[in-house]
Protein backbone atom coordinates (compact mmCIF):
# COMPACT_ATOMS: atom_id res chain seq x y z
CA MET A 1 24.98 14.72 99.45
CA LYS A 2 24.17 17.68 97.17
CA ARG A 3 20.56 16.57 97.04
CA SER A 4 20.39 16.53 100.85
CA ILE A 5 21.88 20.03 101.06
CA GLY A 6 19.30 21.25 98.55
CA ILE A 7 16.48 19.77 100.59
CA LEU A 8 17.93 21.37 103.74
CA PHE A 9 18.02 24.75 101.99
CA LEU A 10 14.37 24.49 100.99
CA VAL A 11 13.37 23.48 104.51
CA LEU A 12 15.19 26.50 105.93
CA VAL A 13 13.60 28.88 103.43
CA PHE A 14 10.05 27.68 103.93
CA GLY A 15 10.56 27.28 107.66
CA PHE A 16 11.72 30.89 107.89
CA SER A 17 8.64 32.02 105.97
CA GLY A 18 6.44 30.11 108.37
CA LEU A 19 7.80 32.15 111.26
CA ALA A 20 6.36 35.32 109.67
CA PHE A 21 2.73 34.26 109.29
CA GLY A 22 0.07 36.87 108.56
CA ALA A 23 -2.47 38.03 111.13
CA VAL A 24 -5.69 40.02 110.99
CA SER A 25 -7.86 41.86 113.50
CA THR A 26 -11.44 41.26 112.34
CA PHE A 27 -13.38 42.12 115.55
CA ASP A 28 -15.39 38.96 114.88
CA ASP A 29 -13.53 37.21 117.71
CA LEU A 30 -15.26 39.56 120.17
CA PRO A 31 -18.65 38.73 121.74
CA LEU A 32 -21.74 40.90 121.26
CA ALA A 33 -24.46 38.78 122.80
CA THR A 34 -27.22 41.21 123.81
CA ASP A 35 -25.89 44.71 123.13
CA PRO A 36 -25.09 45.84 119.56
CA TYR A 37 -21.88 47.51 120.75
CA TRP A 38 -19.17 47.48 123.44
CA ASN A 39 -17.82 50.82 124.70
CA GLY A 40 -15.70 49.88 127.71
CA SER A 41 -18.35 50.27 130.39
CA ASP A 42 -17.01 47.10 132.03
CA GLY A 43 -13.84 49.03 132.94
CA SER A 44 -11.49 46.55 131.27
CA GLY A 45 -9.51 49.30 129.51
CA GLY A 46 -9.59 47.71 126.08
CA PHE A 47 -9.86 44.46 124.18
CA LYS A 48 -7.82 42.14 121.99
CA SER A 49 -8.65 41.12 118.42
CA GLY A 50 -6.21 38.95 116.52
CA SER A 51 -2.73 39.75 117.87
CA ALA A 52 -3.50 43.39 118.67
CA TRP A 53 -4.63 45.20 121.83
CA PHE A 54 -7.11 48.07 121.35
CA TYR A 55 -7.07 50.82 123.98
CA ASN A 56 -10.27 52.13 125.57
CA SER A 57 -10.88 54.67 128.33
CA TYR A 58 -14.35 54.79 129.89
CA ASN A 59 -15.59 57.51 132.25
CA SER A 60 -18.31 56.00 134.42
CA GLY A 61 -19.24 59.40 135.88
CA TRP A 62 -20.14 60.82 132.48
CA GLY A 63 -20.94 57.55 130.71
CA SER A 64 -18.45 58.57 128.02
CA TRP A 65 -15.56 56.81 126.33
CA GLU A 66 -12.64 57.36 123.97
CA GLY A 67 -10.24 55.18 122.04
CA TRP A 68 -11.77 52.02 120.59
CA SER A 69 -15.19 50.41 120.79
CA TYR A 70 -16.64 47.64 118.64
CA SER A 71 -20.10 47.25 117.17
CA ASN A 72 -22.42 45.46 114.77
CA LYS A 73 -24.98 48.27 114.37
CA THR A 74 -26.39 48.89 110.88
CA ASP A 75 -28.26 52.21 111.28
CA LEU A 76 -27.57 54.39 108.22
CA SER A 77 -30.39 56.90 108.78
CA THR A 78 -30.31 58.29 112.34
CA PRO A 79 -28.16 61.43 112.71
CA GLY A 80 -26.38 62.56 115.83
CA TYR A 81 -24.52 61.32 118.88
CA SER A 82 -27.11 58.67 119.73
CA ASN A 83 -25.98 56.78 116.63
CA GLN A 84 -22.23 57.04 117.24
CA TYR A 85 -21.61 53.27 116.92
CA SER A 86 -22.85 52.72 113.34
CA ALA A 87 -20.45 52.38 110.42
CA TYR A 88 -21.71 54.08 107.27
CA ASN A 89 -21.55 51.23 104.76
CA THR A 90 -24.05 51.45 101.92
CA PRO A 91 -26.45 49.90 101.19
CA ASN A 92 -27.02 47.70 104.25
CA GLY A 93 -24.55 48.75 106.94
CA GLY A 94 -22.44 46.39 109.03
CA GLY A 95 -18.81 45.36 108.85
CA HIS A 96 -16.60 44.48 105.91
CA ASN A 97 -17.73 40.98 104.87
CA SER A 98 -18.91 40.26 108.44
CA SER A 99 -20.96 41.72 111.28
CA ASN A 100 -18.49 43.25 113.73
CA TYR A 101 -16.17 46.20 113.24
CA GLY A 102 -14.28 48.76 115.31
CA VAL A 103 -15.25 52.39 115.99
CA PHE A 104 -12.63 54.95 117.00
CA TYR A 105 -13.34 58.18 118.88
CA LYS A 106 -10.80 60.84 119.84
CA PRO A 107 -12.34 64.07 121.16
CA PHE A 108 -9.07 65.93 121.83
CA GLY A 109 -5.57 65.52 123.24
CA SER A 110 -2.24 64.26 121.98
CA ILE A 111 -1.73 61.27 119.69
CA ILE A 112 -1.26 58.09 121.71
CA GLU A 113 -0.60 54.48 120.79
CA THR A 114 -4.15 53.08 120.80
CA ILE A 115 -3.34 49.78 119.07
CA LYS A 116 -0.44 47.69 120.37
CA PHE A 117 0.83 44.48 118.78
CA ASP A 118 2.41 41.49 120.52
CA GLY A 119 5.74 42.43 118.92
CA ALA A 120 7.15 44.08 115.82
CA VAL A 121 4.92 43.88 112.73
CA THR A 122 4.72 45.21 109.21
CA LEU A 123 1.26 46.50 108.33
CA SER A 124 -0.38 45.36 105.11
CA ASP A 125 -3.75 47.09 104.70
CA VAL A 126 -6.95 48.07 106.47
CA TRP A 127 -10.62 48.75 105.60
CA ILE A 128 -12.05 52.09 106.70
CA THR A 129 -15.27 54.08 106.38
CA ASN A 130 -17.05 56.95 108.13
CA THR A 131 -19.63 56.49 110.84
CA THR A 132 -23.25 57.50 110.21
CA TYR A 133 -22.84 60.31 112.76
CA VAL A 134 -19.94 61.80 110.76
CA TYR A 135 -21.44 61.18 107.31
CA LYS A 136 -24.74 62.88 108.14
CA ALA A 137 -22.93 65.88 109.62
CA ILE A 138 -20.60 66.34 106.63
CA VAL A 139 -22.93 65.55 103.73
CA GLU A 140 -26.29 66.72 105.07
CA GLY A 141 -25.28 69.21 107.75
CA ASP A 142 -27.26 67.22 110.32
CA ASP A 143 -25.31 66.31 113.46
CA GLY A 144 -28.43 65.79 115.57
CA ASN A 145 -28.26 69.24 117.18
CA ASP A 146 -30.62 72.18 116.60
CA PRO A 147 -28.97 74.31 115.42
CA PRO A 148 -26.15 72.05 114.15
CA TYR A 149 -22.81 72.29 115.93
CA SER A 150 -20.85 71.17 112.86
CA LYS A 151 -21.35 72.42 109.31
CA LYS A 152 -22.30 70.84 106.01
CA PHE A 153 -19.15 70.63 103.90
CA GLY A 154 -18.60 72.86 100.89
CA GLN A 155 -15.82 73.58 98.44
CA GLY A 156 -12.41 73.54 100.12
CA ASP A 157 -13.40 71.41 103.13
CA TRP A 158 -11.85 68.10 104.18
CA TYR A 159 -11.88 65.57 107.03
CA LYS A 160 -8.64 63.65 107.45
CA LEU A 161 -7.36 60.62 109.35
CA THR A 162 -3.62 60.41 110.05
CA ILE A 163 -2.26 57.01 111.08
CA TRP A 164 1.04 57.06 112.98
CA GLY A 165 3.45 54.19 113.53
CA PHE A 166 5.08 53.72 116.94
CA ASP A 167 8.40 52.03 117.70
CA GLN A 168 9.35 49.80 120.65
CA ASN A 169 9.94 52.91 122.79
CA GLU A 170 6.42 54.23 122.04
CA GLN A 171 7.83 57.01 119.88
CA GLN A 172 6.11 58.12 116.66
CA THR A 173 7.78 57.07 113.41
CA LYS A 174 6.14 57.39 109.98
CA CYS A 175 2.58 58.45 109.18
CA LYS A 176 -0.05 58.06 106.47
CA ASP A 177 -2.89 60.47 105.65
CA ILE A 178 -6.33 59.19 104.61
CA PHE A 179 -9.06 61.63 103.57
CA LEU A 180 -12.39 60.46 105.00
CA ALA A 181 -14.04 63.36 103.17
CA ASP A 182 -12.49 65.56 100.49
CA TYR A 183 -14.20 68.64 99.04
CA ARG A 184 -11.03 70.47 97.97
CA SER A 185 -11.65 70.22 94.22
CA THR A 186 -13.38 73.04 92.34
CA ASN A 187 -15.32 70.29 90.53
CA GLN A 188 -18.23 69.12 92.69
CA ASN A 189 -18.18 65.74 90.94
CA ASP A 190 -14.88 65.03 92.70
CA TRP A 191 -16.23 65.69 96.18
CA TYR A 192 -16.73 62.66 98.41
CA ALA A 193 -17.20 61.38 101.93
CA LEU A 194 -16.50 57.67 102.43
CA GLU A 195 -19.81 55.81 102.34
CA LYS A 196 -18.62 52.21 102.19
CA TRP A 197 -15.70 50.11 103.35
CA THR A 198 -12.59 51.19 101.45
CA GLN A 199 -9.20 49.45 101.48
CA PHE A 200 -6.03 51.43 102.26
CA ASP A 201 -2.42 50.26 101.97
CA LEU A 202 -0.40 50.75 105.18
CA SER A 203 2.89 49.16 104.09
CA SER A 204 4.62 52.57 103.93
CA LEU A 205 4.62 52.73 107.74
CA GLY A 206 7.32 50.04 107.83
CA VAL A 207 8.07 48.06 111.00
CA VAL A 208 5.93 49.17 113.96
CA TYR A 209 5.09 47.98 117.45
CA GLY A 210 1.85 49.93 117.58
CA ILE A 211 -0.19 52.60 115.82
CA GLY A 212 -2.03 55.76 116.82
CA PHE A 213 -4.62 57.96 115.14
CA ASP A 214 -5.30 61.66 114.69
CA LEU A 215 -8.37 63.29 113.16
CA SER A 216 -8.45 66.79 111.69
CA SER A 217 -10.95 68.91 109.75
CA THR A 218 -11.36 72.31 108.13
CA ASP A 219 -14.45 72.72 110.33
CA THR A 220 -12.55 73.78 113.44
CA GLY A 221 -13.40 76.50 115.97
CA MET A 222 -11.85 78.09 119.04
CA PHE A 223 -12.63 75.00 121.14
CA GLY A 224 -11.33 72.47 118.62
CA MET A 225 -12.76 70.42 115.77
CA ASN A 226 -16.50 70.72 115.14
CA THR A 227 -16.74 67.64 112.89
CA PRO A 228 -17.53 64.56 115.05
CA ALA A 229 -14.18 62.85 115.73
CA TYR A 230 -14.99 59.28 114.68
CA PHE A 231 -14.18 56.69 112.03
CA ALA A 232 -14.88 52.97 111.58
CA MET A 233 -12.29 50.26 110.87
CA ASP A 234 -12.33 46.57 109.95
CA ASP A 235 -9.92 43.82 108.88
CA LEU A 236 -6.56 45.27 109.93
CA ASN A 237 -3.95 43.04 108.23
CA TYR A 238 -0.35 42.75 109.47
CA ASN A 239 2.63 40.40 109.48
CA PRO A 240 4.71 39.70 112.60
CA VAL A 241 8.42 40.33 112.06
CA PRO A 242 10.47 37.17 112.82
CA ILE A 243 12.69 37.40 115.90
CA PRO A 244 16.33 36.87 114.82
CA GLY A 245 17.02 34.58 117.76
CA ALA A 246 14.05 32.38 116.90
CA VAL A 247 15.17 32.13 113.29
CA TRP A 248 18.71 31.20 114.41
CA LEU A 249 17.40 28.51 116.76
CA PHE A 250 15.15 27.13 114.03
CA GLY A 251 18.03 26.99 111.56
CA SER A 252 20.40 25.49 114.13
CA GLY A 253 17.90 22.76 114.92
CA ILE A 254 17.50 21.81 111.27
CA VAL A 255 21.28 21.74 110.74
CA GLY A 256 21.71 19.65 113.89
CA LEU A 257 19.18 17.10 112.69
CA PHE A 258 20.92 16.95 109.31
CA CYS A 259 24.34 16.34 110.89
CA LEU A 260 22.93 13.68 113.21
CA ARG A 261 21.31 11.89 110.30
CA ARG A 262 24.57 12.00 108.32
CA ARG A 263 26.60 10.59 111.24
CA ASN A 264 24.13 7.75 111.76
CA ALA A 265 24.30 6.94 108.07
CA GLU A 266 28.12 6.76 108.19
CA ASN A 267 27.99 4.41 111.15
């Protein structure tokens, strides 16, 4: 009897763990047959990778977009807007351990929930880098315009990504700051702009139903930020939070099977 109860306990424990399996948005489950990028020109309003929905808004009149796109471009040399879909990942470009990756663009406006999950999740980590457009503007002062619209960074400058969690009511909860470029130190050897995929822990955001993004920079004028408002992302890792009702039903089923087996044995 005790042995059976012990086995039941182990089944419940491991069964409960199985309900909280990990998930990852890799962008490799998205097709890029002929074009090296997708920017929402099909009017679909977004795409799904893993268990997450990525928001996109495309303006067919201007041929412009905001929110999320995905790409497999590897151009690390061309400056400017024409190369907005390339992640800056030295030495060869491309995604983190694969071809595809996501590119985020937010020109202005309030922070909105641009990634929505199927339910509640806890975030694990994510891989992030700059785009070539951003890197060239910050490090070389070349944003493809003549004269440049944005400036080459110097001492005291920074470019920052803020990731916000959203609850089930689409309200902001906790946030995490990530410096995509940091020139605040008086020691030039400490200055950097992300030039390869870098892993960041997101567990401090806690339980979320979605996430949103804000970009800010010291290079800001009367019309807003001058630094190109982009970053690249890959391999977003998260864990669905088990639904209490599902856990209860799972446990009840196991207990029911145990009781039925015991009654049959007694008969």
